[in-house]
Amino acid sequence: MSGARPDVARTRLPDIEERTVRGAGRETFVREAGSGPAVVLLHGSGPGTTGAAWERLMAAMAPDFRVIAPDFVGFGRSRLLPGAESDGTHPYGRRVWTAQVLELLDELALDRCAVVGNSMGGAIALSVAHARPRTVTRLVGIGTLGLDMPLPPGLDQLWSYRPGRAAARELLELLHVDEAFRTDEAVEARLTATLEPGPRQAFAAMFPPPRERWVRDLALTPDELARIRVPTLLVHGAEDRVVPLEDSALRLLHLLPDVRAHVFGACGHASPVERPTELHRLLTDFLGKP
């Protein structure tokens, strides 16, 4: 099987505004499209990943929502400013990325918004909802991290990535069940994205071994999770090898007070890519089409 799925190929990308928002100690690169209730989309921790990973979902949502997709610091075109981490702490992780999103909400004057996070972005979405319960109206975690678990082998492979054509192909095989998303063109695109000097250097320093500590760093405690009372939707691929279903969504169903879940069969870690049309329907139903 090769080539893109028809529903992906037909999606028309909207006009996306790009800008840099400068805050305290950091610059956040943001993509924005549409109008209506605000939805903030938080990307995952895959090498070469940026807010651009959401562009097809942004295309589908823009007619009804104001969709905002930032790059986390260390990814894409977001960066810490010199001296921002002068206290010697690790310049990445839950604390830094949560503060970045909260600062962005303030800079954009968003006093009400939904937050959708994929993988690591899901952990930060949970963290933001815990920090700002009166701001977050709805919460979605897709293949989400955010609770303590043994380091999954697939996540260890993802975080230990070093650029190379063979490694890029192995990464796509890890992320996708559907061979349509593991083409030679996709391999070259992933390789090119991971060769960008700034993000490449940042990623190499982001998750050094022992990597179990970064899973713990992104995890909320059971008490913190219990305090997140915003309606929450969990979306997961049944064959997710990066964040296994049984270690994430199935456990969160017992820890979050107002939660529901949808599982895609024959789907891996990248359901926004593999199931964009179905995911859009899920999100529109859950977020409430204006």
C-alpha atoms as a PDB file:
ATOM      1  CA  MET A   1       0.000   0.000   0.000  1.00  0.00           C
ATOM      2  CA  SER A   2       1.404   3.411  -0.903  1.00  0.00           C
ATOM      3  CA  GLY A   3       0.359   7.018  -1.215  1.00  0.00           C
ATOM      4  CA  ALA A   4      -1.870   9.146   0.995  1.00  0.00           C
ATOM      5  CA  ARG A   5      -5.393   8.167   1.922  1.00  0.00           C
ATOM      6  CA  PRO A   6      -8.098   9.922  -0.129  1.00  0.00           C
ATOM      7  CA  ASP A   7      -9.540  11.784   2.866  1.00  0.00           C
ATOM      8  CA  VAL A   8      -6.087  13.151   3.678  1.00  0.00           C
ATOM      9  CA  ALA A   9      -5.275  14.102   0.082  1.00  0.00           C
ATOM     10  CA  ARG A  10      -8.550  16.008  -0.400  1.00  0.00           C
ATOM     11  CA  THR A  11      -8.200  18.149   2.714  1.00  0.00           C
ATOM     12  CA  ARG A  12      -7.755  21.785   1.711  1.00  0.00           C
ATOM     13  CA  LEU A  13      -5.377  23.662   3.952  1.00  0.00           C
ATOM     14  CA  PRO A  14      -6.661  27.050   5.182  1.00  0.00           C
ATOM     15  CA  ASP A  15      -4.803  30.313   5.313  1.00  0.00           C
ATOM     16  CA  ILE A  16      -2.605  29.878   8.356  1.00  0.00           C
ATOM     17  CA  GLU A  17      -1.203  32.934  10.098  1.00  0.00           C
ATOM     18  CA  GLU A  18       2.287  32.443  11.493  1.00  0.00           C
ATOM     19  CA  ARG A  19       3.871  34.667  14.112  1.00  0.00           C
ATOM     20  CA  THR A  20       6.273  34.681  17.026  1.00  0.00           C
ATOM     21  CA  VAL A  21       5.006  35.587  20.481  1.00  0.00           C
ATOM     22  CA  ARG A  22       7.709  36.835  22.819  1.00  0.00           C
ATOM     23  CA  GLY A  23       7.321  36.176  26.524  1.00  0.00           C
ATOM     24  CA  ALA A  24       9.407  35.984  29.670  1.00  0.00           C
ATOM     25  CA  GLY A  25      12.565  34.205  28.621  1.00  0.00           C
ATOM     26  CA  ARG A  26      11.205  32.548  25.488  1.00  0.00           C
ATOM     27  CA  GLU A  27       9.875  33.058  21.978  1.00  0.00           C
ATOM     28  CA  THR A  28       6.941  30.888  20.914  1.00  0.00           C
ATOM     29  CA  PHE A  29       6.268  30.314  17.239  1.00  0.00           C
ATOM     30  CA  VAL A  30       2.513  29.985  16.648  1.00  0.00           C
ATOM     31  CA  ARG A  31       0.307  28.889  13.754  1.00  0.00           C
ATOM     32  CA  GLU A  32      -3.278  30.105  13.841  1.00  0.00           C
ATOM     33  CA  ALA A  33      -6.321  29.689  11.604  1.00  0.00           C
ATOM     34  CA  GLY A  34     -10.079  30.146  11.687  1.00  0.00           C
ATOM     35  CA  SER A  35     -12.416  31.942  14.053  1.00  0.00           C
ATOM     36  CA  GLY A  36     -14.795  30.976  16.813  1.00  0.00           C
ATOM     37  CA  PRO A  37     -14.177  29.230  20.142  1.00  0.00           C
ATOM     38  CA  ALA A  38     -10.451  28.821  20.746  1.00  0.00           C
ATOM     39  CA  VAL A  39      -8.794  25.398  20.580  1.00  0.00           C
ATOM     40  CA  VAL A  40      -5.094  25.070  21.425  1.00  0.00           C
ATOM     41  CA  LEU A  41      -3.326  22.106  19.783  1.00  0.00           C
ATOM     42  CA  LEU A  42      -0.175  20.787  21.492  1.00  0.00           C
ATOM     43  CA  HIS A  43       2.176  18.530  19.531  1.00  0.00           C
ATOM     44  CA  GLY A  44       4.178  15.533  20.732  1.00  0.00           C
ATOM     45  CA  SER A  45       7.866  14.874  21.326  1.00  0.00           C
ATOM     46  CA  GLY A  46       8.848  13.070  18.143  1.00  0.00           C
ATOM     47  CA  PRO A  47      12.088  14.285  16.551  1.00  0.00           C
ATOM     48  CA  GLY A  48      11.357  16.913  13.936  1.00  0.00           C
ATOM     49  CA  THR A  49       7.806  17.418  15.210  1.00  0.00           C
ATOM     50  CA  THR A  50       6.321  20.932  15.324  1.00  0.00           C
ATOM     51  CA  GLY A  51       2.906  22.531  15.461  1.00  0.00           C
ATOM     52  CA  ALA A  52       2.758  21.960  11.706  1.00  0.00           C
ATOM     53  CA  ALA A  53       1.838  18.361  12.502  1.00  0.00           C
ATOM     54  CA  TRP A  54      -1.685  19.681  13.163  1.00  0.00           C
ATOM     55  CA  GLU A  55      -2.163  21.449   9.830  1.00  0.00           C
ATOM     56  CA  ARG A  56      -4.661  19.001   8.329  1.00  0.00           C
ATOM     57  CA  LEU A  57      -6.732  18.974  11.496  1.00  0.00           C
ATOM     58  CA  MET A  58      -6.526  22.766  11.519  1.00  0.00           C
ATOM     59  CA  ALA A  59      -7.907  22.734   7.975  1.00  0.00           C
ATOM     60  CA  ALA A  60     -10.891  20.691   9.081  1.00  0.00           C
ATOM     61  CA  MET A  61     -11.552  22.713  12.244  1.00  0.00           C
ATOM     62  CA  ALA A  62     -10.907  26.257  10.977  1.00  0.00           C
ATOM     63  CA  PRO A  63     -14.449  26.843   9.635  1.00  0.00           C
ATOM     64  CA  ASP A  64     -15.842  26.443  13.155  1.00  0.00           C
ATOM     65  CA  PHE A  65     -13.015  27.161  15.599  1.00  0.00           C
ATOM     66  CA  ARG A  66     -10.052  29.431  16.171  1.00  0.00           C
ATOM     67  CA  VAL A  67      -7.258  26.852  16.166  1.00  0.00           C
ATOM     68  CA  ILE A  68      -3.841  27.690  17.608  1.00  0.00           C
ATOM     69  CA  ALA A  69      -0.817  25.395  17.282  1.00  0.00           C
ATOM     70  CA  PRO A  70       2.411  26.503  18.971  1.00  0.00           C
ATOM     71  CA  ASP A  71       5.846  24.911  18.726  1.00  0.00           C
ATOM     72  CA  PHE A  72       7.111  23.845  22.136  1.00  0.00           C
ATOM     73  CA  VAL A  73      10.436  25.348  23.174  1.00  0.00           C
ATOM     74  CA  GLY A  74      13.188  23.165  21.687  1.00  0.00           C
ATOM     75  CA  PHE A  75      11.020  22.223  18.691  1.00  0.00           C
ATOM     76  CA  GLY A  76      10.623  24.062  15.412  1.00  0.00           C
ATOM     77  CA  ARG A  77      11.022  27.810  15.719  1.00  0.00           C
ATOM     78  CA  SER A  78      10.325  28.281  19.430  1.00  0.00           C
ATOM     79  CA  ARG A  79      13.347  28.940  21.595  1.00  0.00           C
ATOM     80  CA  LEU A  80      14.548  29.926  25.014  1.00  0.00           C
ATOM     81  CA  LEU A  81      16.219  33.313  25.155  1.00  0.00           C
ATOM     82  CA  PRO A  82      19.781  33.561  26.488  1.00  0.00           C
ATOM     83  CA  GLY A  83      19.904  33.344  30.266  1.00  0.00           C
ATOM     84  CA  ALA A  84      16.336  32.019  30.582  1.00  0.00           C
ATOM     85  CA  GLU A  85      17.535  28.922  32.445  1.00  0.00           C
ATOM     86  CA  SER A  86      20.364  30.526  34.398  1.00  0.00           C
ATOM     87  CA  ASP A  87      19.386  28.561  37.533  1.00  0.00           C
ATOM     88  CA  GLY A  88      20.988  25.493  35.958  1.00  0.00           C
ATOM     89  CA  THR A  89      17.811  23.391  35.759  1.00  0.00           C
ATOM     90  CA  HIS A  90      16.935  21.238  32.757  1.00  0.00           C
ATOM     91  CA  PRO A  91      15.673  23.678  30.099  1.00  0.00           C
ATOM     92  CA  TYR A  92      12.846  21.380  28.970  1.00  0.00           C
ATOM     93  CA  GLY A  93      10.129  19.262  30.546  1.00  0.00           C
ATOM     94  CA  ARG A  94       6.716  19.629  32.111  1.00  0.00           C
ATOM     95  CA  ARG A  95       7.527  22.737  34.138  1.00  0.00           C
ATOM     96  CA  VAL A  96       8.984  24.681  31.222  1.00  0.00           C
ATOM     97  CA  TRP A  97       6.419  23.617  28.599  1.00  0.00           C
ATOM     98  CA  THR A  98       3.460  24.177  30.924  1.00  0.00           C
ATOM     99  CA  ALA A  99       4.731  27.663  31.757  1.00  0.00           C
ATOM    100  CA  GLN A 100       5.176  28.310  28.037  1.00  0.00           C
ATOM    101  CA  VAL A 101       1.555  27.426  27.238  1.00  0.00           C
ATOM    102  CA  LEU A 102       0.179  29.389  30.193  1.00  0.00           C
ATOM    103  CA  GLU A 103       2.204  32.389  29.100  1.00  0.00           C
ATOM    104  CA  LEU A 104       0.898  32.015  25.543  1.00  0.00           C
ATOM    105  CA  LEU A 105      -2.706  31.934  26.798  1.00  0.00           C
ATOM    106  CA  ASP A 106      -2.040  35.205  28.623  1.00  0.00           C
ATOM    107  CA  GLU A 107      -0.314  36.823  25.630  1.00  0.00           C
ATOM    108  CA  LEU A 108      -3.235  35.854  23.365  1.00  0.00           C
ATOM    109  CA  ALA A 109      -5.781  36.954  26.016  1.00  0.00           C
ATOM    110  CA  LEU A 110      -7.443  33.538  26.016  1.00  0.00           C
ATOM    111  CA  ASP A 111      -9.528  33.333  29.167  1.00  0.00           C
ATOM    112  CA  ARG A 112     -11.517  30.362  27.806  1.00  0.00           C
ATOM    113  CA  CYS A 113     -10.249  27.641  25.471  1.00  0.00           C
ATOM    114  CA  ALA A 114     -10.205  23.920  24.804  1.00  0.00           C
ATOM    115  CA  VAL A 115      -6.841  22.171  24.807  1.00  0.00           C
ATOM    116  CA  VAL A 116      -5.951  19.155  22.660  1.00  0.00           C
ATOM    117  CA  GLY A 117      -2.628  17.406  23.206  1.00  0.00           C
ATOM    118  CA  ASN A 118      -0.911  14.541  21.432  1.00  0.00           C
ATOM    119  CA  SER A 119       1.505  12.257  23.336  1.00  0.00           C
ATOM    120  CA  MET A 120       3.824  14.583  25.289  1.00  0.00           C
ATOM    121  CA  GLY A 121       1.452  17.398  24.344  1.00  0.00           C
ATOM    122  CA  GLY A 122      -1.307  15.473  26.106  1.00  0.00           C
ATOM    123  CA  ALA A 123       0.718  15.506  29.313  1.00  0.00           C
ATOM    124  CA  ILE A 124       1.143  19.270  29.005  1.00  0.00           C
ATOM    125  CA  ALA A 125      -2.573  19.647  28.238  1.00  0.00           C
ATOM    126  CA  LEU A 126      -3.358  17.824  31.487  1.00  0.00           C
ATOM    127  CA  SER A 127      -0.849  20.017  33.316  1.00  0.00           C
ATOM    128  CA  VAL A 128      -2.374  23.205  31.874  1.00  0.00           C
ATOM    129  CA  ALA A 129      -5.882  22.072  32.840  1.00  0.00           C
ATOM    130  CA  HIS A 130      -4.661  21.402  36.375  1.00  0.00           C
ATOM    131  CA  ALA A 131      -3.029  24.834  36.559  1.00  0.00           C
ATOM    132  CA  ARG A 132      -5.923  26.789  34.969  1.00  0.00           C
ATOM    133  CA  PRO A 133      -9.178  24.957  35.741  1.00  0.00           C
ATOM    134  CA  ARG A 134     -11.289  28.035  34.985  1.00  0.00           C
ATOM    135  CA  THR A 135      -9.667  28.600  31.594  1.00  0.00           C
ATOM    136  CA  VAL A 136      -9.773  25.121  30.026  1.00  0.00           C
ATOM    137  CA  THR A 137     -13.301  24.295  28.871  1.00  0.00           C
ATOM    138  CA  ARG A 138     -12.613  20.882  27.318  1.00  0.00           C
ATOM    139  CA  LEU A 139      -9.561  18.634  27.330  1.00  0.00           C
ATOM    140  CA  VAL A 140      -8.449  16.000  24.799  1.00  0.00           C
ATOM    141  CA  GLY A 141      -5.492  13.655  25.187  1.00  0.00           C
ATOM    142  CA  ILE A 142      -4.433  11.668  22.123  1.00  0.00           C
ATOM    143  CA  GLY A 143      -2.053   8.770  22.779  1.00  0.00           C
ATOM    144  CA  THR A 144      -1.223  10.770  25.862  1.00  0.00           C
ATOM    145  CA  LEU A 145       1.544  10.679  28.374  1.00  0.00           C
ATOM    146  CA  GLY A 146       0.914  12.312  31.738  1.00  0.00           C
ATOM    147  CA  LEU A 147       0.984   9.556  34.321  1.00  0.00           C
ATOM    148  CA  ASP A 148       3.793   7.526  35.772  1.00  0.00           C
ATOM    149  CA  MET A 149       4.497   4.276  33.938  1.00  0.00           C
ATOM    150  CA  PRO A 150       7.461   2.074  33.063  1.00  0.00           C
ATOM    151  CA  LEU A 151       9.387   3.521  30.133  1.00  0.00           C
ATOM    152  CA  PRO A 152       7.778   1.909  27.047  1.00  0.00           C
ATOM    153  CA  PRO A 153      10.396   0.463  24.646  1.00  0.00           C
ATOM    154  CA  GLY A 154       8.824   2.399  21.787  1.00  0.00           C
ATOM    155  CA  LEU A 155       9.104   5.678  23.645  1.00  0.00           C
ATOM    156  CA  ASP A 156      12.722   4.893  24.506  1.00  0.00           C
ATOM    157  CA  GLN A 157      13.343   4.345  20.782  1.00  0.00           C
ATOM    158  CA  LEU A 158      11.597   7.619  19.916  1.00  0.00           C
ATOM    159  CA  TRP A 159      13.556   9.677  22.444  1.00  0.00           C
ATOM    160  CA  SER A 160      16.899   8.093  21.553  1.00  0.00           C
ATOM    161  CA  TYR A 161      16.542   8.924  17.830  1.00  0.00           C
ATOM    162  CA  ARG A 162      19.621  10.133  15.986  1.00  0.00           C
ATOM    163  CA  PRO A 163      19.178  11.428  12.415  1.00  0.00           C
ATOM    164  CA  GLY A 164      19.729   9.013   9.553  1.00  0.00           C
ATOM    165  CA  ARG A 165      17.691   7.555   6.698  1.00  0.00           C
ATOM    166  CA  ALA A 166      17.421   4.105   8.280  1.00  0.00           C
ATOM    167  CA  ALA A 167      16.492   5.650  11.633  1.00  0.00           C
ATOM    168  CA  ALA A 168      13.836   7.833   9.987  1.00  0.00           C
ATOM    169  CA  ARG A 169      12.270   4.761   8.357  1.00  0.00           C
ATOM    170  CA  GLU A 170      12.319   2.866  11.655  1.00  0.00           C
ATOM    171  CA  LEU A 171      10.697   5.852  13.342  1.00  0.00           C
ATOM    172  CA  LEU A 172       7.807   5.867  10.854  1.00  0.00           C
ATOM    173  CA  GLU A 173       7.382   2.118  11.295  1.00  0.00           C
ATOM    174  CA  LEU A 174       7.192   2.726  15.044  1.00  0.00           C
ATOM    175  CA  LEU A 175       4.602   5.486  14.728  1.00  0.00           C
ATOM    176  CA  HIS A 176       2.316   4.129  12.000  1.00  0.00           C
ATOM    177  CA  VAL A 177       0.478   0.860  11.521  1.00  0.00           C
ATOM    178  CA  ASP A 178      -0.732   1.875   8.059  1.00  0.00           C
ATOM    179  CA  GLU A 179       1.956   1.482   5.386  1.00  0.00           C
ATOM    180  CA  ALA A 180       0.463   4.436   3.502  1.00  0.00           C
ATOM    181  CA  PHE A 181       2.337   6.686   5.931  1.00  0.00           C
ATOM    182  CA  ARG A 182       5.687   4.907   5.618  1.00  0.00           C
ATOM    183  CA  THR A 183       6.541   5.833   2.033  1.00  0.00           C
ATOM    184  CA  ASP A 184       9.966   6.859   0.741  1.00  0.00           C
ATOM    185  CA  GLU A 185       8.669  10.434   0.508  1.00  0.00           C
ATOM    186  CA  ALA A 186       7.574  10.347   4.157  1.00  0.00           C
ATOM    187  CA  VAL A 187      10.989   9.010   5.182  1.00  0.00           C
ATOM    188  CA  GLU A 188      12.765  11.842   3.357  1.00  0.00           C
ATOM    189  CA  ALA A 189      10.433  14.435   4.879  1.00  0.00           C
ATOM    190  CA  ARG A 190      11.047  13.124   8.394  1.00  0.00           C
ATOM    191  CA  LEU A 191      14.799  12.979   7.797  1.00  0.00           C
ATOM    192  CA  THR A 192      14.856  16.556   6.511  1.00  0.00           C
ATOM    193  CA  ALA A 193      12.870  17.767   9.533  1.00  0.00           C
ATOM    194  CA  THR A 194      15.268  16.109  11.965  1.00  0.00           C
ATOM    195  CA  LEU A 195      18.350  17.632  10.347  1.00  0.00           C
ATOM    196  CA  GLU A 196      17.438  21.239  11.220  1.00  0.00           C
ATOM    197  CA  PRO A 197      20.471  22.365  13.306  1.00  0.00           C
ATOM    198  CA  GLY A 198      18.679  24.114  16.181  1.00  0.00           C
ATOM    199  CA  PRO A 199      15.960  21.528  16.875  1.00  0.00           C
ATOM    200  CA  ARG A 200      18.436  18.686  16.252  1.00  0.00           C
ATOM    201  CA  GLN A 201      20.769  20.012  18.945  1.00  0.00           C
ATOM    202  CA  ALA A 202      17.882  20.663  21.329  1.00  0.00           C
ATOM    203  CA  PHE A 203      16.382  17.204  20.859  1.00  0.00           C
ATOM    204  CA  ALA A 204      19.731  15.540  21.518  1.00  0.00           C
ATOM    205  CA  ALA A 205      19.797  17.228  24.948  1.00  0.00           C
ATOM    206  CA  MET A 206      16.104  16.832  25.737  1.00  0.00           C
ATOM    207  CA  PHE A 207      15.712  13.203  26.874  1.00  0.00           C
ATOM    208  CA  PRO A 208      19.142  11.880  27.890  1.00  0.00           C
ATOM    209  CA  PRO A 209      19.298   8.489  29.653  1.00  0.00           C
ATOM    210  CA  PRO A 210      18.121   7.212  32.010  1.00  0.00           C
ATOM    211  CA  ARG A 211      14.917   8.112  30.188  1.00  0.00           C
ATOM    212  CA  GLU A 212      12.527   6.800  32.836  1.00  0.00           C
ATOM    213  CA  ARG A 213      13.009  10.124  34.622  1.00  0.00           C
ATOM    214  CA  TRP A 214      11.450  12.042  31.721  1.00  0.00           C
ATOM    215  CA  VAL A 215       8.327   9.870  31.875  1.00  0.00           C
ATOM    216  CA  ARG A 216       8.140  10.729  35.576  1.00  0.00           C
ATOM    217  CA  ASP A 217       8.833  14.389  34.834  1.00  0.00           C
ATOM    218  CA  LEU A 218       5.788  14.534  32.522  1.00  0.00           C
ATOM    219  CA  ALA A 219       3.553  12.629  34.958  1.00  0.00           C
ATOM    220  CA  LEU A 220       0.873  14.183  37.131  1.00  0.00           C
ATOM    221  CA  THR A 221       0.177  12.598  40.486  1.00  0.00           C
ATOM    222  CA  PRO A 222      -3.127  10.759  41.100  1.00  0.00           C
ATOM    223  CA  ASP A 223      -4.180  13.687  43.303  1.00  0.00           C
ATOM    224  CA  GLU A 224      -3.412  16.206  40.544  1.00  0.00           C
ATOM    225  CA  LEU A 225      -5.358  14.138  38.022  1.00  0.00           C
ATOM    226  CA  ALA A 226      -8.311  13.871  40.399  1.00  0.00           C
ATOM    227  CA  ARG A 227      -8.452  17.676  40.550  1.00  0.00           C
ATOM    228  CA  ILE A 228      -8.917  17.972  36.760  1.00  0.00           C
ATOM    229  CA  ARG A 229     -12.706  18.147  36.615  1.00  0.00           C
ATOM    230  CA  VAL A 230     -13.010  19.530  33.094  1.00  0.00           C
ATOM    231  CA  PRO A 231     -14.738  17.152  30.631  1.00  0.00           C
ATOM    232  CA  THR A 232     -11.969  15.046  29.071  1.00  0.00           C
ATOM    233  CA  LEU A 233     -11.799  12.874  25.959  1.00  0.00           C
ATOM    234  CA  LEU A 234      -9.058  10.271  25.528  1.00  0.00           C
ATOM    235  CA  VAL A 235      -8.256   9.017  22.029  1.00  0.00           C
ATOM    236  CA  HIS A 236      -5.873   6.121  21.528  1.00  0.00           C
ATOM    237  CA  GLY A 237      -4.666   3.700  18.879  1.00  0.00           C
ATOM    238  CA  ALA A 238      -5.116   0.075  19.883  1.00  0.00           C
ATOM    239  CA  GLU A 239      -1.693  -0.766  18.452  1.00  0.00           C
ATOM    240  CA  ASP A 240       0.191   2.201  19.900  1.00  0.00           C
ATOM    241  CA  ARG A 241       3.778   1.043  20.550  1.00  0.00           C
ATOM    242  CA  VAL A 242       5.025   4.398  21.851  1.00  0.00           C
ATOM    243  CA  VAL A 243       2.475   4.942  24.634  1.00  0.00           C
ATOM    244  CA  PRO A 244       0.629   1.638  25.096  1.00  0.00           C
ATOM    245  CA  LEU A 245      -3.136   1.837  25.550  1.00  0.00           C
ATOM    246  CA  GLU A 246      -3.091  -0.204  28.754  1.00  0.00           C
ATOM    247  CA  ASP A 247      -0.513   2.096  30.386  1.00  0.00           C
ATOM    248  CA  SER A 248      -2.281   5.328  29.465  1.00  0.00           C
ATOM    249  CA  ALA A 249      -5.949   5.719  28.500  1.00  0.00           C
ATOM    250  CA  LEU A 250      -7.191   2.618  30.314  1.00  0.00           C
ATOM    251  CA  ARG A 251      -5.615   3.818  33.563  1.00  0.00           C
ATOM    252  CA  LEU A 252      -6.691   7.428  33.115  1.00  0.00           C
ATOM    253  CA  LEU A 253     -10.300   6.267  32.848  1.00  0.00           C
ATOM    254  CA  HIS A 254     -10.066   5.443  36.560  1.00  0.00           C
ATOM    255  CA  LEU A 255      -8.168   8.579  37.574  1.00  0.00           C
ATOM    256  CA  LEU A 256      -9.947  11.497  35.860  1.00  0.00           C
ATOM    257  CA  PRO A 257     -13.350  12.509  37.263  1.00  0.00           C
ATOM    258  CA  ASP A 258     -15.132  13.398  33.982  1.00  0.00           C
ATOM    259  CA  VAL A 259     -13.675  11.243  31.229  1.00  0.00           C
ATOM    260  CA  ARG A 260     -14.618   9.200  28.181  1.00  0.00           C
ATOM    261  CA  ALA A 261     -12.448   7.335  25.648  1.00  0.00           C
ATOM    262  CA  HIS A 262     -12.379   6.300  22.006  1.00  0.00           C
ATOM    263  CA  VAL A 263     -10.031   3.594  20.728  1.00  0.00           C
ATOM    264  CA  PHE A 264      -9.095   3.272  17.045  1.00  0.00           C
ATOM    265  CA  GLY A 265      -8.456  -0.308  15.977  1.00  0.00           C
ATOM    266  CA  ALA A 266      -5.583  -1.019  13.572  1.00  0.00           C
ATOM    267  CA  CYS A 267      -4.020   2.327  14.516  1.00  0.00           C
ATOM    268  CA  GLY A 268      -0.693   3.222  16.087  1.00  0.00           C
ATOM    269  CA  HIS A 269       0.577   6.284  17.906  1.00  0.00           C
ATOM    270  CA  ALA A 270      -0.251   8.844  15.207  1.00  0.00           C
ATOM    271  CA  SER A 271      -4.046   8.792  15.004  1.00  0.00           C
ATOM    272  CA  PRO A 272      -4.213  12.494  13.952  1.00  0.00           C
ATOM    273  CA  VAL A 273      -2.345  11.422  10.808  1.00  0.00           C
ATOM    274  CA  GLU A 274      -3.872   7.974  10.267  1.00  0.00           C
ATOM    275  CA  ARG A 275      -7.494   8.832  11.178  1.00  0.00           C
ATOM    276  CA  PRO A 276      -7.941  12.570  10.498  1.00  0.00           C
ATOM    277  CA  THR A 277     -11.572  12.468   9.331  1.00  0.00           C
ATOM    278  CA  GLU A 278     -12.782  10.314  12.208  1.00  0.00           C
ATOM    279  CA  LEU A 279     -10.758  12.328  14.692  1.00  0.00           C
ATOM    280  CA  HIS A 280     -12.262  15.555  13.401  1.00  0.00           C
ATOM    281  CA  ARG A 281     -15.770  14.152  13.909  1.00  0.00           C
ATOM    282  CA  LEU A 282     -14.888  13.061  17.442  1.00  0.00           C
ATOM    283  CA  LEU A 283     -13.474  16.472  18.312  1.00  0.00           C
ATOM    284  CA  THR A 284     -16.374  18.387  16.763  1.00  0.00           C
ATOM    285  CA  ASP A 285     -18.909  16.299  18.679  1.00  0.00           C
ATOM    286  CA  PHE A 286     -16.979  16.620  21.929  1.00  0.00           C
ATOM    287  CA  LEU A 287     -16.030  20.286  21.694  1.00  0.00           C
ATOM    288  CA  GLY A 288     -19.484  21.273  20.468  1.00  0.00           C
ATOM    289  CA  LYS A 289     -19.776  22.726  16.974  1.00  0.00           C
ATOM    290  CA  PRO A 290     -20.792  26.387  17.304  1.00  0.00           C
END
